[in-house]
C-alpha atoms as a PDB file:
ATOM      1  CA  MET A   1     -16.377  -9.787  41.204  1.00  0.00           C
ATOM      2  CA  GLU A   2     -12.348  -9.285  40.860  1.00  0.00           C
ATOM      3  CA  ARG A   3     -12.116  -5.123  40.532  1.00  0.00           C
ATOM      4  CA  PHE A   4      -8.719  -5.559  42.052  1.00  0.00           C
ATOM      5  CA  SER A   5      -6.726  -8.870  40.415  1.00  0.00           C
ATOM      6  CA  GLY A   6      -3.342  -7.335  39.888  1.00  0.00           C
ATOM      7  CA  LYS A   7      -3.597  -4.360  42.082  1.00  0.00           C
ATOM      8  CA  ARG A   8      -1.123  -3.874  44.750  1.00  0.00           C
ATOM      9  CA  VAL A   9      -2.934  -2.891  48.821  1.00  0.00           C
ATOM     10  CA  LEU A  10      -1.535  -1.998  51.333  1.00  0.00           C
ATOM     11  CA  VAL A  11      -3.826  -1.282  54.927  1.00  0.00           C
ATOM     12  CA  THR A  12      -3.161  -0.447  58.270  1.00  0.00           C
ATOM     13  CA  GLY A  13      -4.620  -1.434  61.066  1.00  0.00           C
ATOM     14  CA  ALA A  14      -5.392  -4.944  59.739  1.00  0.00           C
ATOM     15  CA  ALA A  15      -5.089  -7.058  62.601  1.00  0.00           C
ATOM     16  CA  SER A  16      -8.737  -6.394  63.486  1.00  0.00           C
ATOM     17  CA  GLY A  17     -11.729  -4.474  62.996  1.00  0.00           C
ATOM     18  CA  ILE A  18     -12.490  -1.939  59.768  1.00  0.00           C
ATOM     19  CA  GLY A  19      -8.911  -2.975  59.015  1.00  0.00           C
ATOM     20  CA  ARG A  20      -9.157  -6.335  59.106  1.00  0.00           C
ATOM     21  CA  ALA A  21     -12.846  -6.591  57.185  1.00  0.00           C
ATOM     22  CA  CYS A  22     -10.892  -4.290  54.448  1.00  0.00           C
ATOM     23  CA  ALA A  23      -8.031  -6.720  53.861  1.00  0.00           C
ATOM     24  CA  GLU A  24     -10.800  -9.968  53.795  1.00  0.00           C
ATOM     25  CA  HIS A  25     -12.884  -7.883  51.177  1.00  0.00           C
ATOM     26  CA  PHE A  26      -9.502  -7.126  48.803  1.00  0.00           C
ATOM     27  CA  ALA A  27      -8.230 -10.683  49.385  1.00  0.00           C
ATOM     28  CA  GLN A  28     -11.579 -11.503  47.995  1.00  0.00           C
ATOM     29  CA  GLU A  29     -11.454  -9.885  44.830  1.00  0.00           C
ATOM     30  CA  GLY A  30      -7.908 -10.434  43.901  1.00  0.00           C
ATOM     31  CA  ALA A  31      -5.426  -8.088  45.689  1.00  0.00           C
ATOM     32  CA  SER A  32      -2.113  -8.529  46.696  1.00  0.00           C
ATOM     33  CA  LEU A  33      -1.998  -7.349  49.992  1.00  0.00           C
ATOM     34  CA  TYR A  34       0.665  -5.680  52.755  1.00  0.00           C
ATOM     35  CA  LEU A  35      -0.616  -5.789  55.906  1.00  0.00           C
ATOM     36  CA  CYS A  36       0.140  -3.670  59.084  1.00  0.00           C
ATOM     37  CA  ASP A  37      -0.743  -3.889  62.386  1.00  0.00           C
ATOM     38  CA  MET A  38       1.112  -3.526  65.917  1.00  0.00           C
ATOM     39  CA  ASN A  39      -0.524  -6.830  67.080  1.00  0.00           C
ATOM     40  CA  ALA A  40       1.722  -8.938  65.537  1.00  0.00           C
ATOM     41  CA  ALA A  41      -0.343 -12.435  66.256  1.00  0.00           C
ATOM     42  CA  GLY A  42      -3.598 -10.639  65.070  1.00  0.00           C
ATOM     43  CA  LEU A  43      -1.563 -10.352  61.933  1.00  0.00           C
ATOM     44  CA  LYS A  44      -0.271 -13.206  61.182  1.00  0.00           C
ATOM     45  CA  ALA A  45      -3.953 -14.739  61.776  1.00  0.00           C
ATOM     46  CA  VAL A  46      -5.308 -12.438  59.549  1.00  0.00           C
ATOM     47  CA  ALA A  47      -2.642 -13.219  56.820  1.00  0.00           C
ATOM     48  CA  ASP A  48      -3.082 -17.232  57.303  1.00  0.00           C
ATOM     49  CA  SER A  49      -6.777 -17.039  56.921  1.00  0.00           C
ATOM     50  CA  LEU A  50      -6.692 -15.094  53.602  1.00  0.00           C
ATOM     51  CA  ASP A  51      -6.408 -17.133  50.179  1.00  0.00           C
ATOM     52  CA  ALA A  52      -4.322 -13.601  48.852  1.00  0.00           C
ATOM     53  CA  ARG A  53      -0.846 -13.388  48.148  1.00  0.00           C
ATOM     54  CA  VAL A  54      -0.120 -11.645  51.443  1.00  0.00           C
ATOM     55  CA  PHE A  55       2.889  -9.675  53.462  1.00  0.00           C
ATOM     56  CA  CYS A  56       2.592  -8.526  56.854  1.00  0.00           C
ATOM     57  CA  SER A  57       4.608  -5.562  58.855  1.00  0.00           C
ATOM     58  CA  VAL A  58       4.587  -5.343  62.615  1.00  0.00           C
ATOM     59  CA  LEU A  59       4.378  -1.534  62.461  1.00  0.00           C
ATOM     60  CA  ASP A  60       3.836   1.282  64.613  1.00  0.00           C
ATOM     61  CA  VAL A  61       1.639   4.275  62.854  1.00  0.00           C
ATOM     62  CA  SER A  62       3.280   6.686  64.175  1.00  0.00           C
ATOM     63  CA  ASP A  63       6.637   6.474  64.277  1.00  0.00           C
ATOM     64  CA  ALA A  64       7.719   8.270  60.430  1.00  0.00           C
ATOM     65  CA  THR A  65      10.923   6.133  59.873  1.00  0.00           C
ATOM     66  CA  ALA A  66       9.023   3.246  60.259  1.00  0.00           C
ATOM     67  CA  CYS A  67       6.398   3.852  58.137  1.00  0.00           C
ATOM     68  CA  THR A  68       8.270   5.215  55.574  1.00  0.00           C
ATOM     69  CA  ALA A  69      10.385   1.629  55.655  1.00  0.00           C
ATOM     70  CA  ALA A  70       7.314  -0.192  55.762  1.00  0.00           C
ATOM     71  CA  VAL A  71       5.887   1.605  52.515  1.00  0.00           C
ATOM     72  CA  ALA A  72       9.324   1.354  51.010  1.00  0.00           C
ATOM     73  CA  ASP A  73       8.904  -2.586  51.701  1.00  0.00           C
ATOM     74  CA  ALA A  74       5.723  -3.153  50.588  1.00  0.00           C
ATOM     75  CA  VAL A  75       6.542  -2.019  46.986  1.00  0.00           C
ATOM     76  CA  ASP A  76       9.431  -4.288  47.098  1.00  0.00           C
ATOM     77  CA  GLN A  77       7.697  -6.957  47.781  1.00  0.00           C
ATOM     78  CA  LEU A  78       4.328  -5.722  45.278  1.00  0.00           C
ATOM     79  CA  GLY A  79       5.800  -5.002  42.802  1.00  0.00           C
ATOM     80  CA  GLY A  80       5.015  -1.047  43.311  1.00  0.00           C
ATOM     81  CA  LEU A  81       1.745   0.239  44.856  1.00  0.00           C
ATOM     82  CA  ASP A  82      -1.587   0.955  43.791  1.00  0.00           C
ATOM     83  CA  VAL A  83      -3.614   2.011  46.713  1.00  0.00           C
ATOM     84  CA  LEU A  84      -2.825   3.475  50.385  1.00  0.00           C
ATOM     85  CA  CYS A  85      -6.146   2.418  52.973  1.00  0.00           C
ATOM     86  CA  ASN A  86      -4.865   4.725  56.392  1.00  0.00           C
ATOM     87  CA  ILE A  87      -7.624   2.328  58.920  1.00  0.00           C
ATOM     88  CA  ALA A  88      -5.649   2.502  61.773  1.00  0.00           C
ATOM     89  CA  GLY A  89      -6.626   4.503  64.740  1.00  0.00           C
ATOM     90  CA  ILE A  90      -7.484   4.865  68.336  1.00  0.00           C
ATOM     91  CA  ALA A  91     -10.476   7.048  70.066  1.00  0.00           C
ATOM     92  CA  LEU A  92     -10.583   8.307  73.543  1.00  0.00           C
ATOM     93  CA  THR A  93     -13.446   9.740  75.397  1.00  0.00           C
ATOM     94  CA  HIS A  94     -12.468  12.460  78.236  1.00  0.00           C
ATOM     95  CA  HIS A  95     -13.771  15.702  79.752  1.00  0.00           C
ATOM     96  CA  PHE A  96     -11.708  18.266  77.464  1.00  0.00           C
ATOM     97  CA  HIS A  97      -9.888  19.952  80.541  1.00  0.00           C
ATOM     98  CA  GLU A  98      -8.778  16.974  81.765  1.00  0.00           C
ATOM     99  CA  ILE A  99      -7.261  15.218  78.983  1.00  0.00           C
ATOM    100  CA  THR A 100      -3.224  15.072  79.132  1.00  0.00           C
ATOM    101  CA  ASP A 101      -0.179  16.186  76.978  1.00  0.00           C
ATOM    102  CA  ASP A 102       0.559  12.590  76.182  1.00  0.00           C
ATOM    103  CA  GLN A 103      -2.922  11.551  75.495  1.00  0.00           C
ATOM    104  CA  TRP A 104      -3.209  14.447  72.931  1.00  0.00           C
ATOM    105  CA  HIS A 105       0.287  13.365  71.425  1.00  0.00           C
ATOM    106  CA  LYS A 106      -0.585   9.989  70.706  1.00  0.00           C
ATOM    107  CA  ILE A 107      -4.354  10.222  69.088  1.00  0.00           C
ATOM    108  CA  LEU A 108      -2.749  12.651  67.026  1.00  0.00           C
ATOM    109  CA  ASN A 109       0.050  10.872  65.869  1.00  0.00           C
ATOM    110  CA  ILE A 110      -2.018   8.055  65.292  1.00  0.00           C
ATOM    111  CA  ASN A 111      -4.758   9.491  63.585  1.00  0.00           C
ATOM    112  CA  VAL A 112      -3.291  12.145  61.890  1.00  0.00           C
ATOM    113  CA  SER A 113       0.468  11.993  61.800  1.00  0.00           C
ATOM    114  CA  SER A 114       0.553   8.744  60.538  1.00  0.00           C
ATOM    115  CA  VAL A 115      -1.844   9.238  57.475  1.00  0.00           C
ATOM    116  CA  VAL A 116       0.661  12.175  56.950  1.00  0.00           C
ATOM    117  CA  TYR A 117       3.578   9.360  56.930  1.00  0.00           C
ATOM    118  CA  LEU A 118       2.474   7.249  55.302  1.00  0.00           C
ATOM    119  CA  SER A 119       0.590   9.021  52.146  1.00  0.00           C
ATOM    120  CA  ARG A 120       4.170  10.927  52.253  1.00  0.00           C
ATOM    121  CA  ALA A 121       5.682   7.906  51.576  1.00  0.00           C
ATOM    122  CA  ALA A 122       3.422   6.584  49.074  1.00  0.00           C
ATOM    123  CA  LEU A 123       2.556   9.218  46.834  1.00  0.00           C
ATOM    124  CA  PRO A 124       5.324   8.738  44.409  1.00  0.00           C
ATOM    125  CA  HIS A 125       4.925   5.514  43.679  1.00  0.00           C
ATOM    126  CA  LEU A 126       0.212   5.817  43.566  1.00  0.00           C
ATOM    127  CA  VAL A 127       1.828   8.499  40.864  1.00  0.00           C
ATOM    128  CA  LYS A 128       2.991   5.814  38.638  1.00  0.00           C
ATOM    129  CA  SER A 129       0.518   3.506  39.273  1.00  0.00           C
ATOM    130  CA  LYS A 130      -2.372   6.420  38.565  1.00  0.00           C
ATOM    131  CA  GLY A 131      -3.362   4.908  42.013  1.00  0.00           C
ATOM    132  CA  ASN A 132      -4.996   6.275  45.339  1.00  0.00           C
ATOM    133  CA  ILE A 133      -5.608   6.866  49.058  1.00  0.00           C
ATOM    134  CA  VAL A 134      -8.686   6.113  51.219  1.00  0.00           C
ATOM    135  CA  ASN A 135      -8.746   7.471  54.600  1.00  0.00           C
ATOM    136  CA  MET A 136     -10.847   6.484  58.006  1.00  0.00           C
ATOM    137  CA  SER A 137     -12.293   9.561  58.936  1.00  0.00           C
ATOM    138  CA  SER A 138     -15.181   9.227  60.984  1.00  0.00           C
ATOM    139  CA  ILE A 139     -18.747  11.578  61.487  1.00  0.00           C
ATOM    140  CA  ALA A 140     -16.874  13.208  64.456  1.00  0.00           C
ATOM    141  CA  GLY A 141     -14.503  15.110  61.979  1.00  0.00           C
ATOM    142  CA  LEU A 142     -17.822  16.072  60.326  1.00  0.00           C
ATOM    143  CA  MET A 143     -19.976  17.237  63.450  1.00  0.00           C
ATOM    144  CA  GLY A 144     -18.739  18.322  67.309  1.00  0.00           C
ATOM    145  CA  GLN A 145     -19.512  15.369  69.906  1.00  0.00           C
ATOM    146  CA  ALA A 146     -19.142  16.165  73.927  1.00  0.00           C
ATOM    147  CA  TYR A 147     -16.384  14.274  75.296  1.00  0.00           C
ATOM    148  CA  THR A 148     -14.508  13.320  72.557  1.00  0.00           C
ATOM    149  CA  SER A 149     -12.444  16.541  71.509  1.00  0.00           C
ATOM    150  CA  ALA A 150      -9.328  15.251  71.051  1.00  0.00           C
ATOM    151  CA  TYR A 151     -10.740  12.717  68.561  1.00  0.00           C
ATOM    152  CA  CYS A 152     -13.046  15.443  66.588  1.00  0.00           C
ATOM    153  CA  ALA A 153      -9.985  17.771  66.369  1.00  0.00           C
ATOM    154  CA  THR A 154      -7.898  14.565  64.886  1.00  0.00           C
ATOM    155  CA  LYS A 155     -10.569  13.393  62.165  1.00  0.00           C
ATOM    156  CA  GLY A 156     -11.318  16.580  60.951  1.00  0.00           C
ATOM    157  CA  ALA A 157      -7.384  16.961  60.512  1.00  0.00           C
ATOM    158  CA  VAL A 158      -8.215  13.553  58.499  1.00  0.00           C
ATOM    159  CA  ILE A 159     -10.807  14.762  56.581  1.00  0.00           C
ATOM    160  CA  MET A 160      -8.787  18.465  55.554  1.00  0.00           C
ATOM    161  CA  LEU A 161      -5.495  16.174  54.572  1.00  0.00           C
ATOM    162  CA  THR A 162      -7.784  13.849  51.873  1.00  0.00           C
ATOM    163  CA  LYS A 163      -9.234  16.912  50.341  1.00  0.00           C
ATOM    164  CA  SER A 164      -5.105  18.512  49.985  1.00  0.00           C
ATOM    165  CA  ILE A 165      -4.142  16.110  49.011  1.00  0.00           C
ATOM    166  CA  ALA A 166      -6.878  15.146  46.190  1.00  0.00           C
ATOM    167  CA  LEU A 167      -6.579  18.284  45.120  1.00  0.00           C
ATOM    168  CA  GLU A 168      -2.686  18.920  44.906  1.00  0.00           C
ATOM    169  CA  TYR A 169      -2.377  15.130  42.704  1.00  0.00           C
ATOM    170  CA  VAL A 170      -5.560  15.463  40.799  1.00  0.00           C
ATOM    171  CA  LYS A 171      -3.422  16.212  37.826  1.00  0.00           C
ATOM    172  CA  GLN A 172      -0.496  13.464  38.320  1.00  0.00           C
ATOM    173  CA  GLY A 173      -3.926  10.837  38.521  1.00  0.00           C
ATOM    174  CA  VAL A 174      -4.355   9.830  42.166  1.00  0.00           C
ATOM    175  CA  ARG A 175      -7.244  10.015  43.610  1.00  0.00           C
ATOM    176  CA  CYS A 176      -7.759  10.663  47.528  1.00  0.00           C
ATOM    177  CA  ASN A 177     -10.998  10.275  49.556  1.00  0.00           C
ATOM    178  CA  ALA A 178     -12.322   9.338  53.393  1.00  0.00           C
ATOM    179  CA  VAL A 179     -14.693   7.604  54.366  1.00  0.00           C
ATOM    180  CA  CYS A 180     -16.539   8.780  57.883  1.00  0.00           C
ATOM    181  CA  PRO A 181     -18.043   5.418  59.621  1.00  0.00           C
ATOM    182  CA  GLY A 182     -20.822   6.146  62.433  1.00  0.00           C
ATOM    183  CA  GLY A 183     -21.167   3.642  65.145  1.00  0.00           C
ATOM    184  CA  VAL A 184     -19.337   0.279  63.989  1.00  0.00           C
ATOM    185  CA  GLN A 185     -19.547  -2.925  65.790  1.00  0.00           C
ATOM    186  CA  THR A 186     -15.334  -3.623  66.110  1.00  0.00           C
ATOM    187  CA  ASP A 187     -13.233  -4.261  69.465  1.00  0.00           C
ATOM    188  CA  LEU A 188     -13.170  -0.214  69.512  1.00  0.00           C
ATOM    189  CA  ALA A 189     -16.472  -0.106  70.257  1.00  0.00           C
ATOM    190  CA  LYS A 190     -17.209  -2.922  72.182  1.00  0.00           C
ATOM    191  CA  ASN A 191     -14.610  -1.528  74.416  1.00  0.00           C
ATOM    192  CA  PHE A 192     -16.053   2.171  74.818  1.00  0.00           C
ATOM    193  CA  SER A 193     -15.636   3.780  78.135  1.00  0.00           C
ATOM    194  CA  ALA A 194     -16.004   7.019  79.615  1.00  0.00           C
ATOM    195  CA  PRO A 195     -15.862   9.290  82.493  1.00  0.00           C
ATOM    196  CA  GLU A 196     -18.434   8.133  85.155  1.00  0.00           C
ATOM    197  CA  ASP A 197     -19.511  11.405  85.635  1.00  0.00           C
ATOM    198  CA  ILE A 198     -20.657  12.445  81.791  1.00  0.00           C
ATOM    199  CA  ASP A 199     -23.462  13.485  81.046  1.00  0.00           C
ATOM    200  CA  PHE A 200     -25.306  10.933  78.196  1.00  0.00           C
ATOM    201  CA  SER A 201     -27.617  13.401  76.653  1.00  0.00           C
ATOM    202  CA  LEU A 202     -25.095  15.636  75.385  1.00  0.00           C
ATOM    203  CA  MET A 203     -24.037  12.395  72.895  1.00  0.00           C
ATOM    204  CA  SER A 204     -27.214  11.290  72.609  1.00  0.00           C
ATOM    205  CA  ARG A 205     -27.749  13.290  68.609  1.00  0.00           C
ATOM    206  CA  TYR A 206     -24.996  11.794  67.283  1.00  0.00           C
ATOM    207  CA  MET A 207     -25.290   7.862  68.731  1.00  0.00           C
ATOM    208  CA  PRO A 208     -26.657   5.643  65.468  1.00  0.00           C
ATOM    209  CA  LEU A 209     -30.183   6.298  64.878  1.00  0.00           C
ATOM    210  CA  GLY A 210     -30.588   2.225  63.856  1.00  0.00           C
ATOM    211  CA  GLU A 211     -28.518  -0.544  64.179  1.00  0.00           C
ATOM    212  CA  MET A 212     -24.706  -0.241  64.084  1.00  0.00           C
ATOM    213  CA  ALA A 213     -22.635  -0.575  61.139  1.00  0.00           C
ATOM    214  CA  GLU A 214     -20.715  -4.077  60.518  1.00  0.00           C
ATOM    215  CA  ALA A 215     -17.099  -3.517  59.663  1.00  0.00           C
ATOM    216  CA  GLY A 216     -17.650  -5.526  56.945  1.00  0.00           C
ATOM    217  CA  ASP A 217     -20.014  -2.366  55.446  1.00  0.00           C
ATOM    218  CA  VAL A 218     -17.247  -0.363  56.208  1.00  0.00           C
ATOM    219  CA  ALA A 219     -14.921  -1.793  54.181  1.00  0.00           C
ATOM    220  CA  LYS A 220     -17.577  -2.371  51.434  1.00  0.00           C
ATOM    221  CA  THR A 221     -17.525   1.694  51.178  1.00  0.00           C
ATOM    222  CA  VAL A 222     -13.798   1.728  51.324  1.00  0.00           C
ATOM    223  CA  LEU A 223     -12.808  -0.791  47.996  1.00  0.00           C
ATOM    224  CA  PHE A 224     -16.000   1.365  46.583  1.00  0.00           C
ATOM    225  CA  LEU A 225     -13.707   4.660  46.791  1.00  0.00           C
ATOM    226  CA  ALA A 226     -10.419   2.610  45.872  1.00  0.00           C
ATOM    227  CA  SER A 227     -12.427   0.976  42.389  1.00  0.00           C
ATOM    228  CA  ASP A 228     -12.606   2.292  39.459  1.00  0.00           C
ATOM    229  CA  ASP A 229     -16.143   2.294  39.722  1.00  0.00           C
ATOM    230  CA  ALA A 230     -15.291   5.688  41.963  1.00  0.00           C
ATOM    231  CA  SER A 231     -12.848   6.933  39.360  1.00  0.00           C
ATOM    232  CA  GLN A 232     -14.628  10.526  39.202  1.00  0.00           C
ATOM    233  CA  ILE A 233     -14.686  10.615  42.833  1.00  0.00           C
ATOM    234  CA  ASN A 234     -11.716  12.606  44.663  1.00  0.00           C
ATOM    235  CA  GLY A 235     -11.278  14.834  47.741  1.00  0.00           C
ATOM    236  CA  VAL A 236     -14.250  13.406  49.410  1.00  0.00           C
ATOM    237  CA  ALA A 237     -15.542  12.620  53.070  1.00  0.00           C
ATOM    238  CA  MET A 238     -18.435  10.157  52.852  1.00  0.00           C
ATOM    239  CA  PRO A 239     -20.608   9.926  55.645  1.00  0.00           C
ATOM    240  CA  LEU A 240     -21.302   6.527  56.688  1.00  0.00           C
ATOM    241  CA  ASP A 241     -23.417   6.604  59.210  1.00  0.00           C
ATOM    242  CA  GLY A 242     -27.469   5.524  58.802  1.00  0.00           C
ATOM    243  CA  GLY A 243     -28.056   9.191  58.522  1.00  0.00           C
ATOM    244  CA  VAL A 244     -26.873  10.531  61.834  1.00  0.00           C
ATOM    245  CA  SER A 245     -24.876  13.744  60.249  1.00  0.00           C
ATOM    246  CA  ALA A 246     -28.141  14.031  58.121  1.00  0.00           C
ATOM    247  CA  GLY A 247     -29.485  16.957  60.859  1.00  0.00           C
END
């Protein structure tokens, strides 16, 4: 199956985890790719492993000027743009009263501002191609979570950005959707750390009910939303959490 044959796709956070899985699945389905990440070595390793037309950019997604330049370069290299996947993100576990200004601004800029910068730059090109945007949110954007207030705030903001963009550009043929994973087996989860004195019973309600998802499971959902198979799906925040947010 090559749903993306002839399609031009930009993926952020592509050096590892969900971003890498997305790049791999898009390549398998015929897409030409423009991959972005801060990890230059990881980005090169991913690009070298793909049997596809691939361009790369070492990108700090919190830098507005750099994001605008990356989209312009992607359009120049690929000859246009059909899909933007805003996958890059970070997590933070903390006592709310202890979060520093620097921590707050860092997670806000990477998780939310980057979506604004990249989508803003990409939309004129996506209007031309009748393309779409897939943003990475989280079940943390759908339900409150203890000790992750900053992360919840940013992922909730991504959902509202998604819905607003979807409504504003629907008559111009552009769709915008978000994926909301629960626990996923990535380096982000493996490197999870939290203050030693937190009450883990307050976190149990949003722990996986079964096995954690693989990055590839999330990538398959991203590709579905980016494909013509989802032509009537617009402005959704799709849970991918094994039922955690169901009740």
